[in-house]
Each structure stands twice: as C-alpha cells, then as structure tokens.
Amino acid sequence: MSDKQEESRTGGQSANTTNTDKIPSYTLYDIGARYTTRVLDKALTVRLNVINLTGKDYWQNDYTLGVPRTVAFSASMMF
C-alpha cells in the first residue's frame, strides 16, 4: 500500500482591477492511497483520493467558489 499527501497554499489575491477588494489566502490538503494485489492471477489496483480533505470553503478567484471536499474511488485490472 502506498499513500500520497499534498498541501497547496495560495496567497491573497486582488478581486478587482482597482485592487480595492481582496480574496483571502487559503491552504488545501489532498490525500490519496493505492493498494495493489492479484485477483485470479491478474494485477488489481484500487485507489482512493480525497481532494480538499478539510472541506474548506474558499474563493478560487473573484467569481468562482473552490472545489468542495471530493472523494474518488477507482479500481483497475490488467488483463
């Protein structure tokens, strides 16, 4: 089993062209895990990823909300 952790930080930004409104900075945490095994003599890989682990609400830019907590599960088998 392997895992991956990632932190991304974005500094404050201007929200308009006159620099009178600011978008606050934010920090996001993503995490993922992968497990590889064999089933019926075939390689099977199962993955689980969580984006925005803490579910932080944030503005990506002046008109778009950031991605909410997102969970993705996948499995792949080599034939």
N, C-alpha and C. Protein backbone atom coordinates (compact mmCIF):
# COMPACT_ATOMS: atom_id res chain seq x y z
N MET A 1 0.85 -1.17 0.00
CA MET A 1 0.00 0.00 0.00
C MET A 1 0.89 1.23 0.00
N SER A 2 0.53 2.20 -0.79
CA SER A 2 1.26 3.46 -0.80
C SER A 2 0.27 4.60 -0.63
N ASP A 3 0.78 5.72 -0.15
CA ASP A 3 -0.10 6.87 0.03
C ASP A 3 0.62 8.13 -0.43
N LYS A 4 -0.18 9.16 -0.63
CA LYS A 4 0.34 10.44 -1.08
C LYS A 4 -0.40 11.54 -0.35
N GLN A 5 0.34 12.51 0.16
CA GLN A 5 -0.25 13.66 0.82
C GLN A 5 0.26 14.90 0.12
N GLU A 6 -0.61 15.88 -0.01
CA GLU A 6 -0.22 17.09 -0.71
C GLU A 6 -0.86 18.29 -0.03
N GLU A 7 -0.10 19.35 0.08
CA GLU A 7 -0.61 20.60 0.62
C GLU A 7 -0.40 21.67 -0.43
N SER A 8 -1.42 22.48 -0.65
CA SER A 8 -1.26 23.60 -1.57
C SER A 8 -1.73 24.87 -0.88
N ARG A 9 -0.96 25.92 -1.04
CA ARG A 9 -1.28 27.20 -0.40
C ARG A 9 -1.31 28.27 -1.47
N THR A 10 -2.32 29.10 -1.38
CA THR A 10 -2.45 30.22 -2.31
C THR A 10 -2.51 31.51 -1.49
N GLY A 11 -1.67 32.46 -1.84
CA GLY A 11 -1.67 33.75 -1.14
C GLY A 11 -2.87 34.57 -1.55
N GLY A 12 -3.12 35.64 -0.80
CA GLY A 12 -4.23 36.53 -1.12
C GLY A 12 -4.11 37.11 -2.52
N GLN A 13 -5.24 37.40 -3.12
CA GLN A 13 -5.28 37.95 -4.48
C GLN A 13 -6.19 39.16 -4.52
N SER A 14 -6.00 40.00 -5.49
CA SER A 14 -6.93 41.09 -5.72
C SER A 14 -8.17 40.55 -6.42
N ALA A 15 -9.34 41.06 -6.02
CA ALA A 15 -10.58 40.57 -6.60
C ALA A 15 -11.11 41.49 -7.69
N ASN A 16 -10.49 42.65 -7.86
CA ASN A 16 -10.94 43.55 -8.92
C ASN A 16 -9.74 44.30 -9.50
N THR A 17 -9.96 44.99 -10.58
CA THR A 17 -8.85 45.65 -11.27
C THR A 17 -8.30 46.86 -10.53
N THR A 18 -9.06 47.41 -9.60
CA THR A 18 -8.58 48.57 -8.85
C THR A 18 -7.89 48.17 -7.54
N ASN A 19 -7.81 46.87 -7.28
CA ASN A 19 -7.16 46.34 -6.08
C ASN A 19 -7.79 46.84 -4.78
N THR A 20 -9.10 47.08 -4.80
CA THR A 20 -9.78 47.54 -3.59
C THR A 20 -10.49 46.41 -2.86
N ASP A 21 -10.60 45.26 -3.48
CA ASP A 21 -11.24 44.10 -2.86
C ASP A 21 -10.26 42.93 -2.92
N LYS A 22 -10.13 42.20 -1.84
CA LYS A 22 -9.15 41.12 -1.77
C LYS A 22 -9.83 39.77 -1.57
N ILE A 23 -9.24 38.72 -2.17
CA ILE A 23 -9.64 37.34 -1.93
C ILE A 23 -8.63 36.80 -0.92
N PRO A 24 -9.10 36.27 0.21
CA PRO A 24 -8.15 35.80 1.22
C PRO A 24 -7.35 34.58 0.77
N SER A 25 -6.21 34.39 1.39
CA SER A 25 -5.38 33.21 1.11
C SER A 25 -6.06 31.96 1.67
N TYR A 26 -5.63 30.80 1.18
CA TYR A 26 -6.18 29.55 1.68
C TYR A 26 -5.16 28.43 1.52
N THR A 27 -5.33 27.39 2.34
CA THR A 27 -4.49 26.20 2.28
C THR A 27 -5.40 24.99 2.13
N LEU A 28 -5.08 24.13 1.18
CA LEU A 28 -5.87 22.92 0.95
C LEU A 28 -5.00 21.69 1.18
N TYR A 29 -5.63 20.61 1.63
CA TYR A 29 -4.93 19.34 1.83
C TYR A 29 -5.63 18.26 1.02
N ASP A 30 -4.84 17.51 0.27
CA ASP A 30 -5.33 16.37 -0.51
C ASP A 30 -4.60 15.13 -0.02
N ILE A 31 -5.26 13.99 -0.09
CA ILE A 31 -4.64 12.74 0.34
C ILE A 31 -5.12 11.62 -0.57
N GLY A 32 -4.28 10.63 -0.77
CA GLY A 32 -4.66 9.51 -1.61
C GLY A 32 -3.96 8.24 -1.14
N ALA A 33 -4.55 7.12 -1.48
CA ALA A 33 -3.96 5.82 -1.14
C ALA A 33 -4.15 4.88 -2.33
N ARG A 34 -3.19 3.97 -2.48
CA ARG A 34 -3.25 2.99 -3.55
C ARG A 34 -2.87 1.63 -2.98
N TYR A 35 -3.61 0.62 -3.38
CA TYR A 35 -3.32 -0.75 -2.95
C TYR A 35 -3.31 -1.64 -4.18
N THR A 36 -2.25 -2.42 -4.33
CA THR A 36 -2.11 -3.32 -5.47
C THR A 36 -2.06 -4.76 -4.96
N THR A 37 -2.83 -5.64 -5.62
CA THR A 37 -2.86 -7.05 -5.26
C THR A 37 -3.10 -7.87 -6.53
N ARG A 38 -3.27 -9.15 -6.38
CA ARG A 38 -3.58 -10.01 -7.51
C ARG A 38 -4.90 -10.73 -7.24
N VAL A 39 -5.76 -10.77 -8.25
CA VAL A 39 -7.04 -11.47 -8.19
C VAL A 39 -7.14 -12.34 -9.44
N LEU A 40 -7.37 -13.60 -9.26
CA LEU A 40 -7.44 -14.54 -10.38
C LEU A 40 -6.19 -14.43 -11.27
N ASP A 41 -5.06 -14.26 -10.62
CA ASP A 41 -3.76 -14.13 -11.27
C ASP A 41 -3.65 -12.89 -12.17
N LYS A 42 -4.46 -11.88 -11.90
CA LYS A 42 -4.40 -10.60 -12.64
C LYS A 42 -4.08 -9.49 -11.64
N ALA A 43 -3.32 -8.50 -12.08
CA ALA A 43 -2.96 -7.37 -11.22
C ALA A 43 -4.17 -6.45 -11.03
N LEU A 44 -4.50 -6.16 -9.77
CA LEU A 44 -5.61 -5.28 -9.43
C LEU A 44 -5.07 -4.12 -8.60
N THR A 45 -5.41 -2.90 -9.00
CA THR A 45 -5.02 -1.70 -8.25
C THR A 45 -6.29 -0.96 -7.85
N VAL A 46 -6.39 -0.64 -6.57
CA VAL A 46 -7.53 0.10 -6.02
C VAL A 46 -6.99 1.43 -5.50
N ARG A 47 -7.67 2.53 -5.84
CA ARG A 47 -7.23 3.86 -5.41
C ARG A 47 -8.36 4.61 -4.73
N LEU A 48 -8.00 5.41 -3.73
CA LEU A 48 -8.94 6.30 -3.05
C LEU A 48 -8.26 7.65 -2.92
N ASN A 49 -8.89 8.71 -3.40
CA ASN A 49 -8.34 10.06 -3.32
C ASN A 49 -9.37 10.99 -2.70
N VAL A 50 -8.89 11.88 -1.85
CA VAL A 50 -9.75 12.92 -1.26
C VAL A 50 -9.10 14.26 -1.57
N ILE A 51 -9.85 15.12 -2.24
CA ILE A 51 -9.41 16.47 -2.56
C ILE A 51 -10.10 17.42 -1.60
N ASN A 52 -9.37 18.40 -1.07
CA ASN A 52 -9.88 19.34 -0.06
C ASN A 52 -10.36 18.56 1.16
N LEU A 53 -9.44 17.83 1.75
CA LEU A 53 -9.72 16.92 2.87
C LEU A 53 -10.51 17.58 4.00
N THR A 54 -10.22 18.83 4.32
CA THR A 54 -10.89 19.51 5.43
C THR A 54 -12.22 20.13 5.04
N GLY A 55 -12.57 20.09 3.76
CA GLY A 55 -13.85 20.66 3.32
C GLY A 55 -13.89 22.18 3.41
N LYS A 56 -12.75 22.82 3.26
CA LYS A 56 -12.66 24.28 3.39
C LYS A 56 -13.43 24.98 2.27
N ASP A 57 -14.22 25.98 2.64
CA ASP A 57 -14.88 26.85 1.66
C ASP A 57 -13.90 27.97 1.31
N TYR A 58 -13.71 28.21 0.02
CA TYR A 58 -12.77 29.24 -0.40
C TYR A 58 -13.15 29.76 -1.78
N TRP A 59 -12.67 30.96 -2.10
CA TRP A 59 -12.86 31.54 -3.42
C TRP A 59 -11.63 31.23 -4.25
N GLN A 60 -11.82 30.59 -5.40
CA GLN A 60 -10.72 30.29 -6.30
C GLN A 60 -10.28 31.54 -7.04
N ASN A 61 -11.23 32.37 -7.40
CA ASN A 61 -10.97 33.69 -7.98
C ASN A 61 -12.16 34.58 -7.64
N ASP A 62 -12.27 35.74 -8.26
CA ASP A 62 -13.31 36.69 -7.85
C ASP A 62 -14.74 36.27 -8.19
N TYR A 63 -14.95 35.22 -8.95
CA TYR A 63 -16.30 34.80 -9.29
C TYR A 63 -16.53 33.29 -9.21
N THR A 64 -15.56 32.51 -8.73
CA THR A 64 -15.69 31.06 -8.69
C THR A 64 -15.35 30.53 -7.30
N LEU A 65 -16.30 29.79 -6.72
CA LEU A 65 -16.01 29.10 -5.46
C LEU A 65 -15.08 27.93 -5.74
N GLY A 66 -14.25 27.59 -4.76
CA GLY A 66 -13.33 26.47 -4.91
C GLY A 66 -14.03 25.13 -4.84
N VAL A 67 -13.31 24.09 -5.16
CA VAL A 67 -13.84 22.73 -5.18
C VAL A 67 -14.15 22.28 -3.74
N PRO A 68 -15.35 21.75 -3.49
CA PRO A 68 -15.64 21.23 -2.15
C PRO A 68 -14.90 19.91 -1.92
N ARG A 69 -15.03 19.34 -0.72
CA ARG A 69 -14.41 18.04 -0.47
C ARG A 69 -14.92 17.07 -1.53
N THR A 70 -14.00 16.38 -2.19
CA THR A 70 -14.35 15.45 -3.26
C THR A 70 -13.64 14.12 -2.99
N VAL A 71 -14.40 13.03 -3.03
CA VAL A 71 -13.86 11.70 -2.81
C VAL A 71 -13.99 10.91 -4.11
N ALA A 72 -12.89 10.30 -4.54
CA ALA A 72 -12.90 9.49 -5.77
C ALA A 72 -12.32 8.11 -5.47
N PHE A 73 -12.99 7.10 -5.96
CA PHE A 73 -12.56 5.72 -5.80
C PHE A 73 -12.43 5.11 -7.19
N SER A 74 -11.36 4.37 -7.43
CA SER A 74 -11.22 3.70 -8.71
C SER A 74 -10.54 2.35 -8.53
N ALA A 75 -10.79 1.48 -9.47
CA ALA A 75 -10.14 0.17 -9.49
C ALA A 75 -9.78 -0.14 -10.94
N SER A 76 -8.61 -0.73 -11.12
CA SER A 76 -8.21 -1.13 -12.47
C SER A 76 -7.56 -2.51 -12.40
N MET A 77 -7.80 -3.27 -13.46
CA MET A 77 -7.25 -4.63 -13.53
C MET A 77 -6.58 -4.81 -14.87
N MET A 78 -5.39 -5.38 -14.84
CA MET A 78 -4.66 -5.66 -16.06
C MET A 78 -5.04 -7.04 -16.57
N PHE A 79 -5.42 -7.13 -17.83
CA PHE A 79 -5.79 -8.41 -18.44
C PHE A 79 -4.69 -8.91 -19.33
